[in-house]
Amino acid sequence: MPFLLSVRNSLIRDRYLYLMLIPFILWYMIFQYKPMAGLQIAFKDYSLFKGIAESPWVGFDNFIRFFESEYFIRTLTNTALISIYGLVFGFPAPILLALLINEVKNKMFKNTVQTLTYLPHFISIVVITGIITNMLAPTNGLVNILIDKLGGEKTYFLTESEYFRTIFTSMNIWKDVGFNAIIYLAAMAGINPALYEASKMDGANRWRQMWHVTLPGILPTIIILFLIQIGAFLEVGYEAIILLYQPSTYETADVINTYVYRAGLQGGEYEIGAAAGLFNSIVGLILVVTANKLSKKFTENSLW
């Protein structure tokens, strides 16, 4: 009873806040939770004409077909490698940018840099990939023009599989580094200025202040964002990959989600696509739970 009374009082006291939440709750119910009913396709011999309910159950056969397919090892390897590229190069980039911006004292210069770096985040991924495609064009692309002027040989980078991961990772860094840096700058703004004053009195220079005050101050934020990225380890932005890759780059560009797109939407094998997508999600869940436990054990910072 005390619990129910507390809930009732909370509902009455914060009724307007709860009313404002209703549209978001409905959005999640309709577009996030309701589609989960379609996960059963992964365990059925799905027929578009029979529908989900009438299609026969086949257990884990679709998963076995996916694991035994010629694409499984390739897509899993490419997904993992592209994600590792993102963790190694993409994850530290906004931290470094935020640290550098935080050290700039000229307010106008700081605001200009912030604006220029986070603007690409708001550009459509279709436009971004179009810019990259034009810049890397073999005849009139800016990159190849510069290479030609320097005496090099022009190359159509987007048809060469060995360049794809570097191009994709660089594009993602350029697109998101400024926007992600805002989170770290907000965390830095919350650091007690007295800590900087105390370190200055102890003779710490700007570098030592950054290392011993700023970084420890934003460490909880770094860990939380790292855990979130670990949870999305197998989600590598397949929309951009679909727009950039070609059959000649499948060897390094084909990932699990692009396979889901080809098998499910283009090939009509919806059950295989659903099985591959569910496998993707389960691996991500296992990774984020494991990383969260390790973080909680060694750093006392965690998502839950």
C-alpha atoms as a PDB file:
ATOM      1  CA  MET A   1       0.000   0.000   0.000  1.00  0.00           C
ATOM      2  CA  PRO A   2       2.679   2.589   0.803  1.00  0.00           C
ATOM      3  CA  PHE A   3       4.222   1.870  -2.607  1.00  0.00           C
ATOM      4  CA  LEU A   4       0.895   2.311  -4.423  1.00  0.00           C
ATOM      5  CA  LEU A   5       0.241   5.493  -2.483  1.00  0.00           C
ATOM      6  CA  SER A   6       3.669   6.807  -3.459  1.00  0.00           C
ATOM      7  CA  VAL A   7       2.997   6.014  -7.131  1.00  0.00           C
ATOM      8  CA  ARG A   8      -0.408   7.718  -6.953  1.00  0.00           C
ATOM      9  CA  ASN A   9       1.086  10.837  -5.392  1.00  0.00           C
ATOM     10  CA  SER A  10       3.831  10.910  -8.009  1.00  0.00           C
ATOM     11  CA  LEU A  11       1.286  10.634 -10.837  1.00  0.00           C
ATOM     12  CA  ILE A  12      -0.762  13.484  -9.395  1.00  0.00           C
ATOM     13  CA  ARG A  13       2.231  15.689  -8.630  1.00  0.00           C
ATOM     14  CA  ASP A  14       3.973  15.206 -11.985  1.00  0.00           C
ATOM     15  CA  ARG A  15       0.876  14.619 -14.136  1.00  0.00           C
ATOM     16  CA  TYR A  16       1.896  17.175 -16.772  1.00  0.00           C
ATOM     17  CA  LEU A  17       5.318  15.572 -17.190  1.00  0.00           C
ATOM     18  CA  TYR A  18       3.715  12.153 -17.631  1.00  0.00           C
ATOM     19  CA  LEU A  19       1.286  13.598 -20.180  1.00  0.00           C
ATOM     20  CA  MET A  20       4.244  14.962 -22.137  1.00  0.00           C
ATOM     21  CA  LEU A  21       5.806  11.486 -22.088  1.00  0.00           C
ATOM     22  CA  ILE A  22       2.773   9.807 -23.653  1.00  0.00           C
ATOM     23  CA  PRO A  23       3.632  10.652 -27.324  1.00  0.00           C
ATOM     24  CA  PHE A  24       7.169   9.282 -26.894  1.00  0.00           C
ATOM     25  CA  ILE A  25       5.913   6.127 -25.166  1.00  0.00           C
ATOM     26  CA  LEU A  26       3.405   5.564 -27.973  1.00  0.00           C
ATOM     27  CA  TRP A  27       6.128   6.138 -30.584  1.00  0.00           C
ATOM     28  CA  TYR A  28       8.351   3.517 -28.946  1.00  0.00           C
ATOM     29  CA  MET A  29       5.485   1.059 -28.572  1.00  0.00           C
ATOM     30  CA  ILE A  30       4.461   1.386 -32.232  1.00  0.00           C
ATOM     31  CA  PHE A  31       7.831   1.649 -33.968  1.00  0.00           C
ATOM     32  CA  GLN A  32      10.219  -0.156 -31.590  1.00  0.00           C
ATOM     33  CA  TYR A  33       8.350  -2.805 -29.595  1.00  0.00           C
ATOM     34  CA  LYS A  34       5.527  -3.817 -31.934  1.00  0.00           C
ATOM     35  CA  PRO A  35       7.920  -4.758 -34.798  1.00  0.00           C
ATOM     36  CA  MET A  36       9.630  -7.206 -32.412  1.00  0.00           C
ATOM     37  CA  ALA A  37       6.757  -9.589 -33.152  1.00  0.00           C
ATOM     38  CA  GLY A  38       8.413 -10.064 -36.525  1.00  0.00           C
ATOM     39  CA  LEU A  39      11.408 -11.734 -34.867  1.00  0.00           C
ATOM     40  CA  GLN A  40       9.536 -15.033 -35.036  1.00  0.00           C
ATOM     41  CA  ILE A  41      10.191 -14.995 -38.795  1.00  0.00           C
ATOM     42  CA  ALA A  42      13.752 -16.065 -37.911  1.00  0.00           C
ATOM     43  CA  PHE A  43      12.331 -19.362 -36.599  1.00  0.00           C
ATOM     44  CA  LYS A  44       9.872 -20.019 -39.431  1.00  0.00           C
ATOM     45  CA  ASP A  45       9.856 -21.091 -43.063  1.00  0.00           C
ATOM     46  CA  TYR A  46       8.308 -17.760 -43.883  1.00  0.00           C
ATOM     47  CA  SER A  47       6.002 -17.323 -46.844  1.00  0.00           C
ATOM     48  CA  LEU A  48       4.805 -13.897 -47.887  1.00  0.00           C
ATOM     49  CA  PHE A  49       1.466 -15.382 -48.954  1.00  0.00           C
ATOM     50  CA  LYS A  50       0.870 -17.408 -45.777  1.00  0.00           C
ATOM     51  CA  GLY A  51       1.938 -14.620 -43.459  1.00  0.00           C
ATOM     52  CA  ILE A  52       3.786 -14.908 -40.164  1.00  0.00           C
ATOM     53  CA  ALA A  53       1.070 -16.774 -38.267  1.00  0.00           C
ATOM     54  CA  GLU A  54       0.499 -19.493 -40.881  1.00  0.00           C
ATOM     55  CA  SER A  55       4.139 -20.095 -41.827  1.00  0.00           C
ATOM     56  CA  PRO A  56       5.512 -23.333 -40.292  1.00  0.00           C
ATOM     57  CA  TRP A  57       8.079 -23.327 -37.488  1.00  0.00           C
ATOM     58  CA  VAL A  58      11.543 -24.642 -38.401  1.00  0.00           C
ATOM     59  CA  GLY A  59      13.436 -24.053 -35.144  1.00  0.00           C
ATOM     60  CA  PHE A  60      17.022 -22.916 -35.651  1.00  0.00           C
ATOM     61  CA  ASP A  61      17.257 -24.035 -39.291  1.00  0.00           C
ATOM     62  CA  ASN A  62      17.506 -20.468 -40.587  1.00  0.00           C
ATOM     63  CA  PHE A  63      20.383 -19.717 -38.224  1.00  0.00           C
ATOM     64  CA  ILE A  64      22.169 -22.880 -39.343  1.00  0.00           C
ATOM     65  CA  ARG A  65      21.695 -21.875 -42.979  1.00  0.00           C
ATOM     66  CA  PHE A  66      23.156 -18.455 -42.220  1.00  0.00           C
ATOM     67  CA  PHE A  67      26.130 -19.880 -40.295  1.00  0.00           C
ATOM     68  CA  GLU A  68      26.855 -22.400 -43.044  1.00  0.00           C
ATOM     69  CA  SER A  69      26.513 -19.912 -45.901  1.00  0.00           C
ATOM     70  CA  GLU A  70      29.557 -18.714 -47.821  1.00  0.00           C
ATOM     71  CA  TYR A  71      28.888 -15.164 -46.627  1.00  0.00           C
ATOM     72  CA  PHE A  72      28.893 -15.726 -42.857  1.00  0.00           C
ATOM     73  CA  ILE A  73      32.647 -15.635 -42.181  1.00  0.00           C
ATOM     74  CA  ARG A  74      33.183 -12.769 -44.623  1.00  0.00           C
ATOM     75  CA  THR A  75      30.393 -10.576 -43.268  1.00  0.00           C
ATOM     76  CA  LEU A  76      31.253 -11.281 -39.628  1.00  0.00           C
ATOM     77  CA  THR A  77      34.953 -10.552 -40.218  1.00  0.00           C
ATOM     78  CA  ASN A  78      34.251  -7.345 -42.122  1.00  0.00           C
ATOM     79  CA  THR A  79      31.743  -6.166 -39.516  1.00  0.00           C
ATOM     80  CA  ALA A  80      34.211  -6.806 -36.694  1.00  0.00           C
ATOM     81  CA  LEU A  81      37.125  -5.129 -38.503  1.00  0.00           C
ATOM     82  CA  ILE A  82      35.129  -2.021 -39.454  1.00  0.00           C
ATOM     83  CA  SER A  83      33.891  -1.771 -35.854  1.00  0.00           C
ATOM     84  CA  ILE A  84      37.454  -2.107 -34.544  1.00  0.00           C
ATOM     85  CA  TYR A  85      38.537   0.670 -36.921  1.00  0.00           C
ATOM     86  CA  GLY A  86      35.765   2.796 -35.438  1.00  0.00           C
ATOM     87  CA  LEU A  87      36.795   2.020 -31.860  1.00  0.00           C
ATOM     88  CA  VAL A  88      40.515   2.569 -32.424  1.00  0.00           C
ATOM     89  CA  PHE A  89      40.314   5.706 -34.565  1.00  0.00           C
ATOM     90  CA  GLY A  90      36.755   7.005 -34.349  1.00  0.00           C
ATOM     91  CA  PHE A  91      36.095   6.761 -30.615  1.00  0.00           C
ATOM     92  CA  PRO A  92      39.139   8.776 -29.393  1.00  0.00           C
ATOM     93  CA  ALA A  93      38.735  11.476 -32.090  1.00  0.00           C
ATOM     94  CA  PRO A  94      35.952  13.512 -30.378  1.00  0.00           C
ATOM     95  CA  ILE A  95      37.763  13.211 -27.033  1.00  0.00           C
ATOM     96  CA  LEU A  96      40.926  14.697 -28.542  1.00  0.00           C
ATOM     97  CA  LEU A  97      38.944  17.411 -30.326  1.00  0.00           C
ATOM     98  CA  ALA A  98      37.100  18.316 -27.120  1.00  0.00           C
ATOM     99  CA  LEU A  99      40.370  18.489 -25.167  1.00  0.00           C
ATOM    100  CA  LEU A 100      41.902  20.778 -27.791  1.00  0.00           C
ATOM    101  CA  ILE A 101      38.835  23.037 -27.988  1.00  0.00           C
ATOM    102  CA  ASN A 102      38.710  23.208 -24.199  1.00  0.00           C
ATOM    103  CA  GLU A 103      42.257  24.580 -24.143  1.00  0.00           C
ATOM    104  CA  VAL A 104      41.485  27.368 -26.643  1.00  0.00           C
ATOM    105  CA  LYS A 105      40.926  30.698 -24.898  1.00  0.00           C
ATOM    106  CA  ASN A 106      39.780  32.725 -27.931  1.00  0.00           C
ATOM    107  CA  LYS A 107      35.992  32.389 -27.735  1.00  0.00           C
ATOM    108  CA  MET A 108      35.329  33.377 -31.355  1.00  0.00           C
ATOM    109  CA  PHE A 109      37.854  30.867 -32.694  1.00  0.00           C
ATOM    110  CA  LYS A 110      36.474  28.173 -30.389  1.00  0.00           C
ATOM    111  CA  ASN A 111      32.883  28.761 -31.544  1.00  0.00           C
ATOM    112  CA  THR A 112      33.956  28.774 -35.191  1.00  0.00           C
ATOM    113  CA  VAL A 113      35.776  25.448 -34.846  1.00  0.00           C
ATOM    114  CA  GLN A 114      32.827  23.892 -33.028  1.00  0.00           C
ATOM    115  CA  THR A 115      30.374  25.053 -35.686  1.00  0.00           C
ATOM    116  CA  LEU A 116      32.502  23.846 -38.598  1.00  0.00           C
ATOM    117  CA  THR A 117      33.117  20.447 -37.005  1.00  0.00           C
ATOM    118  CA  TYR A 118      29.578  19.598 -35.973  1.00  0.00           C
ATOM    119  CA  LEU A 119      27.799  20.849 -39.116  1.00  0.00           C
ATOM    120  CA  PRO A 120      28.534  17.623 -41.112  1.00  0.00           C
ATOM    121  CA  HIS A 121      26.507  15.650 -38.546  1.00  0.00           C
ATOM    122  CA  PHE A 122      23.328  17.329 -39.795  1.00  0.00           C
ATOM    123  CA  ILE A 123      23.985  16.592 -43.465  1.00  0.00           C
ATOM    124  CA  SER A 124      22.089  13.627 -44.925  1.00  0.00           C
ATOM    125  CA  ILE A 125      24.139  10.447 -45.274  1.00  0.00           C
ATOM    126  CA  VAL A 126      23.135  10.387 -48.961  1.00  0.00           C
ATOM    127  CA  VAL A 127      24.721  13.811 -49.449  1.00  0.00           C
ATOM    128  CA  ILE A 128      27.803  12.790 -47.435  1.00  0.00           C
ATOM    129  CA  THR A 129      28.400   9.687 -49.553  1.00  0.00           C
ATOM    130  CA  GLY A 130      27.814  11.768 -52.685  1.00  0.00           C
ATOM    131  CA  ILE A 131      30.510  14.214 -51.566  1.00  0.00           C
ATOM    132  CA  ILE A 132      32.921  11.339 -50.870  1.00  0.00           C
ATOM    133  CA  THR A 133      32.153   9.737 -54.241  1.00  0.00           C
ATOM    134  CA  ASN A 134      32.810  13.000 -56.084  1.00  0.00           C
ATOM    135  CA  MET A 135      36.003  13.721 -54.143  1.00  0.00           C
ATOM    136  CA  LEU A 136      37.355  10.255 -54.975  1.00  0.00           C
ATOM    137  CA  ALA A 137      36.192  10.196 -58.602  1.00  0.00           C
ATOM    138  CA  PRO A 138      38.966   8.803 -60.863  1.00  0.00           C
ATOM    139  CA  THR A 139      39.008  11.627 -63.421  1.00  0.00           C
ATOM    140  CA  ASN A 140      37.844  14.893 -61.857  1.00  0.00           C
ATOM    141  CA  GLY A 141      37.854  14.051 -58.157  1.00  0.00           C
ATOM    142  CA  LEU A 142      39.774  16.441 -55.901  1.00  0.00           C
ATOM    143  CA  VAL A 143      41.914  13.673 -54.389  1.00  0.00           C
ATOM    144  CA  ASN A 144      42.964  12.260 -57.755  1.00  0.00           C
ATOM    145  CA  ILE A 145      43.651  15.735 -59.151  1.00  0.00           C
ATOM    146  CA  LEU A 146      46.043  16.354 -56.244  1.00  0.00           C
ATOM    147  CA  ILE A 147      47.666  12.947 -56.748  1.00  0.00           C
ATOM    148  CA  ASP A 148      48.102  13.689 -60.454  1.00  0.00           C
ATOM    149  CA  LYS A 149      49.632  17.119 -59.726  1.00  0.00           C
ATOM    150  CA  LEU A 150      52.100  15.477 -57.348  1.00  0.00           C
ATOM    151  CA  GLY A 151      53.153  12.996 -60.022  1.00  0.00           C
ATOM    152  CA  GLY A 152      51.172  10.016 -58.769  1.00  0.00           C
ATOM    153  CA  GLU A 153      48.830   7.672 -60.603  1.00  0.00           C
ATOM    154  CA  LYS A 154      45.090   8.248 -60.471  1.00  0.00           C
ATOM    155  CA  THR A 155      43.102   5.537 -58.710  1.00  0.00           C
ATOM    156  CA  TYR A 156      39.386   4.841 -58.422  1.00  0.00           C
ATOM    157  CA  PHE A 157      39.518   4.257 -54.685  1.00  0.00           C
ATOM    158  CA  LEU A 158      35.902   3.142 -54.311  1.00  0.00           C
ATOM    159  CA  THR A 159      36.468   0.117 -56.552  1.00  0.00           C
ATOM    160  CA  GLU A 160      39.585  -1.020 -54.672  1.00  0.00           C
ATOM    161  CA  SER A 161      38.652  -3.233 -51.721  1.00  0.00           C
ATOM    162  CA  GLU A 162      41.803  -2.451 -49.702  1.00  0.00           C
ATOM    163  CA  TYR A 163      40.817   1.224 -49.353  1.00  0.00           C
ATOM    164  CA  PHE A 164      37.193   0.769 -48.309  1.00  0.00           C
ATOM    165  CA  ARG A 165      37.575   0.454 -44.520  1.00  0.00           C
ATOM    166  CA  THR A 166      39.861   3.481 -44.352  1.00  0.00           C
ATOM    167  CA  ILE A 167      37.488   5.568 -46.488  1.00  0.00           C
ATOM    168  CA  PHE A 168      34.440   4.497 -44.480  1.00  0.00           C
ATOM    169  CA  THR A 169      36.076   5.141 -41.100  1.00  0.00           C
ATOM    170  CA  SER A 170      37.455   8.524 -42.202  1.00  0.00           C
ATOM    171  CA  MET A 171      34.026   9.554 -43.476  1.00  0.00           C
ATOM    172  CA  ASN A 172      32.367   8.622 -40.171  1.00  0.00           C
ATOM    173  CA  ILE A 173      34.990  10.520 -38.172  1.00  0.00           C
ATOM    174  CA  TRP A 174      34.527  13.648 -40.296  1.00  0.00           C
ATOM    175  CA  LYS A 175      30.744  13.390 -40.037  1.00  0.00           C
ATOM    176  CA  ASP A 176      30.407  12.801 -36.281  1.00  0.00           C
ATOM    177  CA  VAL A 177      33.569  14.025 -34.539  1.00  0.00           C
ATOM    178  CA  GLY A 178      32.292  17.542 -33.873  1.00  0.00           C
ATOM    179  CA  PHE A 179      28.847  16.506 -32.687  1.00  0.00           C
ATOM    180  CA  ASN A 180      30.217  13.821 -30.352  1.00  0.00           C
ATOM    181  CA  ALA A 181      32.772  16.292 -28.976  1.00  0.00           C
ATOM    182  CA  ILE A 182      29.884  18.394 -27.620  1.00  0.00           C
ATOM    183  CA  ILE A 183      29.129  15.663 -25.075  1.00  0.00           C
ATOM    184  CA  TYR A 184      32.687  15.731 -23.749  1.00  0.00           C
ATOM    185  CA  LEU A 185      32.766  19.536 -23.720  1.00  0.00           C
ATOM    186  CA  ALA A 186      29.588  19.501 -21.632  1.00  0.00           C
ATOM    187  CA  ALA A 187      31.242  17.053 -19.226  1.00  0.00           C
ATOM    188  CA  MET A 188      34.319  19.300 -19.017  1.00  0.00           C
ATOM    189  CA  ALA A 189      32.108  22.283 -18.196  1.00  0.00           C
ATOM    190  CA  GLY A 190      30.948  20.396 -15.112  1.00  0.00           C
ATOM    191  CA  ILE A 191      34.456  19.980 -13.671  1.00  0.00           C
ATOM    192  CA  ASN A 192      35.003  22.085 -10.550  1.00  0.00           C
ATOM    193  CA  PRO A 193      37.258  25.078 -11.464  1.00  0.00           C
ATOM    194  CA  ALA A 194      38.817  24.824  -7.993  1.00  0.00           C
ATOM    195  CA  LEU A 195      40.561  21.635  -9.142  1.00  0.00           C
ATOM    196  CA  TYR A 196      42.370  23.566 -11.871  1.00  0.00           C
ATOM    197  CA  GLU A 197      43.303  26.313  -9.413  1.00  0.00           C
ATOM    198  CA  ALA A 198      44.661  23.767  -6.934  1.00  0.00           C
ATOM    199  CA  SER A 199      46.702  21.995  -9.615  1.00  0.00           C
ATOM    200  CA  LYS A 200      48.062  25.345 -10.834  1.00  0.00           C
ATOM    201  CA  MET A 201      49.162  26.184  -7.290  1.00  0.00           C
ATOM    202  CA  ASP A 202      50.965  22.842  -7.190  1.00  0.00           C
ATOM    203  CA  GLY A 203      52.917  23.856 -10.295  1.00  0.00           C
ATOM    204  CA  ALA A 204      50.998  21.821 -12.881  1.00  0.00           C
ATOM    205  CA  ASN A 205      51.264  23.103 -16.447  1.00  0.00           C
ATOM    206  CA  ARG A 206      48.431  22.908 -19.005  1.00  0.00           C
ATOM    207  CA  TRP A 207      49.428  19.407 -20.102  1.00  0.00           C
ATOM    208  CA  ARG A 208      49.425  18.060 -16.532  1.00  0.00           C
ATOM    209  CA  GLN A 209      46.094  19.758 -15.824  1.00  0.00           C
ATOM    210  CA  MET A 210      44.633  18.073 -18.879  1.00  0.00           C
ATOM    211  CA  TRP A 211      46.031  14.685 -17.858  1.00  0.00           C
ATOM    212  CA  HIS A 212      45.306  14.794 -14.123  1.00  0.00           C
ATOM    213  CA  VAL A 213      42.177  16.975 -13.920  1.00  0.00           C
ATOM    214  CA  THR A 214      40.291  17.091 -17.228  1.00  0.00           C
ATOM    215  CA  LEU A 215      40.580  13.441 -18.274  1.00  0.00           C
ATOM    216  CA  PRO A 216      39.660  12.006 -14.832  1.00  0.00           C
ATOM    217  CA  GLY A 217      36.766  14.479 -14.733  1.00  0.00           C
ATOM    218  CA  ILE A 218      35.260  13.187 -17.972  1.00  0.00           C
ATOM    219  CA  LEU A 219      36.203   9.520 -17.422  1.00  0.00           C
ATOM    220  CA  PRO A 220      32.660   8.448 -16.412  1.00  0.00           C
ATOM    221  CA  THR A 221      31.312   9.992 -19.629  1.00  0.00           C
ATOM    222  CA  ILE A 222      34.015   8.268 -21.689  1.00  0.00           C
ATOM    223  CA  ILE A 223      33.175   4.895 -20.140  1.00  0.00           C
ATOM    224  CA  ILE A 224      29.418   5.267 -20.652  1.00  0.00           C
ATOM    225  CA  LEU A 225      29.841   6.221 -24.319  1.00  0.00           C
ATOM    226  CA  PHE A 226      32.370   3.422 -24.805  1.00  0.00           C
ATOM    227  CA  LEU A 227      29.881   0.890 -23.418  1.00  0.00           C
ATOM    228  CA  ILE A 228      27.183   2.205 -25.738  1.00  0.00           C
ATOM    229  CA  GLN A 229      29.531   1.850 -28.717  1.00  0.00           C
ATOM    230  CA  ILE A 230      30.444  -1.688 -27.643  1.00  0.00           C
ATOM    231  CA  GLY A 231      26.730  -2.512 -27.607  1.00  0.00           C
ATOM    232  CA  ALA A 232      26.523  -1.343 -31.224  1.00  0.00           C
ATOM    233  CA  PHE A 233      29.711  -3.223 -32.187  1.00  0.00           C
ATOM    234  CA  LEU A 234      28.043  -5.063 -35.057  1.00  0.00           C
ATOM    235  CA  GLU A 235      25.998  -2.035 -36.161  1.00  0.00           C
ATOM    236  CA  VAL A 236      28.344  -0.266 -38.547  1.00  0.00           C
ATOM    237  CA  GLY A 237      26.119   2.159 -40.429  1.00  0.00           C
ATOM    238  CA  TYR A 238      25.108  -0.114 -43.273  1.00  0.00           C
ATOM    239  CA  GLU A 239      23.194   2.677 -45.045  1.00  0.00           C
ATOM    240  CA  ALA A 240      26.462   4.424 -45.896  1.00  0.00           C
ATOM    241  CA  ILE A 241      28.065   1.120 -46.874  1.00  0.00           C
ATOM    242  CA  ILE A 242      25.213   0.331 -49.267  1.00  0.00           C
ATOM    243  CA  LEU A 243      25.642   3.750 -50.863  1.00  0.00           C
ATOM    244  CA  LEU A 244      29.430   3.384 -51.173  1.00  0.00           C
ATOM    245  CA  TYR A 245      30.213  -0.251 -51.859  1.00  0.00           C
ATOM    246  CA  GLN A 246      30.292  -2.127 -55.148  1.00  0.00           C
ATOM    247  CA  PRO A 247      30.639  -5.823 -56.033  1.00  0.00           C
ATOM    248  CA  SER A 248      34.399  -5.300 -56.419  1.00  0.00           C
ATOM    249  CA  THR A 249      34.638  -4.197 -52.754  1.00  0.00           C
ATOM    250  CA  TYR A 250      32.395  -6.889 -51.221  1.00  0.00           C
ATOM    251  CA  GLU A 251      35.520  -8.649 -49.972  1.00  0.00           C
ATOM    252  CA  THR A 252      36.125  -5.926 -47.350  1.00  0.00           C
ATOM    253  CA  ALA A 253      32.851  -3.956 -47.369  1.00  0.00           C
ATOM    254  CA  ASP A 254      30.153  -6.613 -47.094  1.00  0.00           C
ATOM    255  CA  VAL A 255      28.865  -6.673 -43.488  1.00  0.00           C
ATOM    256  CA  ILE A 256      26.076  -8.546 -41.712  1.00  0.00           C
ATOM    257  CA  ASN A 257      23.517  -5.786 -42.184  1.00  0.00           C
ATOM    258  CA  THR A 258      24.210  -5.433 -45.907  1.00  0.00           C
ATOM    259  CA  TYR A 259      23.771  -9.208 -46.184  1.00  0.00           C
ATOM    260  CA  VAL A 260      20.442  -8.865 -44.346  1.00  0.00           C
ATOM    261  CA  TYR A 261      19.448  -6.171 -46.855  1.00  0.00           C
ATOM    262  CA  ARG A 262      20.403  -8.292 -49.874  1.00  0.00           C
ATOM    263  CA  ALA A 263      18.977 -11.562 -48.578  1.00  0.00           C
ATOM    264  CA  GLY A 264      15.792 -10.145 -47.108  1.00  0.00           C
ATOM    265  CA  LEU A 265      14.725  -7.179 -49.213  1.00  0.00           C
ATOM    266  CA  GLN A 266      16.385  -8.001 -52.527  1.00  0.00           C
ATOM    267  CA  GLY A 267      16.467 -11.807 -52.441  1.00  0.00           C
ATOM    268  CA  GLY A 268      13.129 -12.407 -50.711  1.00  0.00           C
ATOM    269  CA  GLU A 269      14.714 -14.703 -48.077  1.00  0.00           C
ATOM    270  CA  TYR A 270      13.127 -12.821 -45.211  1.00  0.00           C
ATOM    271  CA  GLU A 271      13.686 -15.622 -42.707  1.00  0.00           C
ATOM    272  CA  ILE A 272      17.455 -15.680 -43.358  1.00  0.00           C
ATOM    273  CA  GLY A 273      17.637 -11.910 -43.086  1.00  0.00           C
ATOM    274  CA  ALA A 274      15.680 -12.017 -39.820  1.00  0.00           C
ATOM    275  CA  ALA A 275      17.965 -14.733 -38.422  1.00  0.00           C
ATOM    276  CA  ALA A 276      21.088 -12.750 -39.326  1.00  0.00           C
ATOM    277  CA  GLY A 277      19.622  -9.579 -37.820  1.00  0.00           C
ATOM    278  CA  LEU A 278      18.660 -11.353 -34.590  1.00  0.00           C
ATOM    279  CA  PHE A 279      22.148 -12.867 -34.347  1.00  0.00           C
ATOM    280  CA  ASN A 280      23.536  -9.347 -34.717  1.00  0.00           C
ATOM    281  CA  SER A 281      21.383  -8.053 -31.859  1.00  0.00           C
ATOM    282  CA  ILE A 282      22.150 -10.962 -29.515  1.00  0.00           C
ATOM    283  CA  VAL A 283      25.907 -10.543 -29.987  1.00  0.00           C
ATOM    284  CA  GLY A 284      25.568  -6.812 -29.295  1.00  0.00           C
ATOM    285  CA  LEU A 285      23.594  -7.514 -26.102  1.00  0.00           C
ATOM    286  CA  ILE A 286      26.193 -10.020 -24.876  1.00  0.00           C
ATOM    287  CA  LEU A 287      29.025  -7.582 -25.587  1.00  0.00           C
ATOM    288  CA  VAL A 288      27.430  -4.633 -23.774  1.00  0.00           C
ATOM    289  CA  VAL A 289      26.468  -6.736 -20.726  1.00  0.00           C
ATOM    290  CA  THR A 290      29.996  -8.181 -20.516  1.00  0.00           C
ATOM    291  CA  ALA A 291      31.663  -4.790 -20.989  1.00  0.00           C
ATOM    292  CA  ASN A 292      29.336  -3.243 -18.408  1.00  0.00           C
ATOM    293  CA  LYS A 293      30.220  -5.889 -15.804  1.00  0.00           C
ATOM    294  CA  LEU A 294      33.946  -5.476 -16.427  1.00  0.00           C
ATOM    295  CA  SER A 295      33.636  -1.691 -16.218  1.00  0.00           C
ATOM    296  CA  LYS A 296      31.675  -1.910 -12.973  1.00  0.00           C
ATOM    297  CA  LYS A 297      34.249  -4.286 -11.504  1.00  0.00           C
ATOM    298  CA  PHE A 298      37.382  -2.328 -12.419  1.00  0.00           C
ATOM    299  CA  THR A 299      36.269   1.313 -12.634  1.00  0.00           C
ATOM    300  CA  GLU A 300      32.993   1.480 -10.651  1.00  0.00           C
ATOM    301  CA  ASN A 301      31.367   3.209 -13.643  1.00  0.00           C
ATOM    302  CA  SER A 302      28.595   1.423 -15.529  1.00  0.00           C
ATOM    303  CA  LEU A 303      25.345   1.827 -17.419  1.00  0.00           C
ATOM    304  CA  TRP A 304      23.400   0.039 -14.693  1.00  0.00           C
END
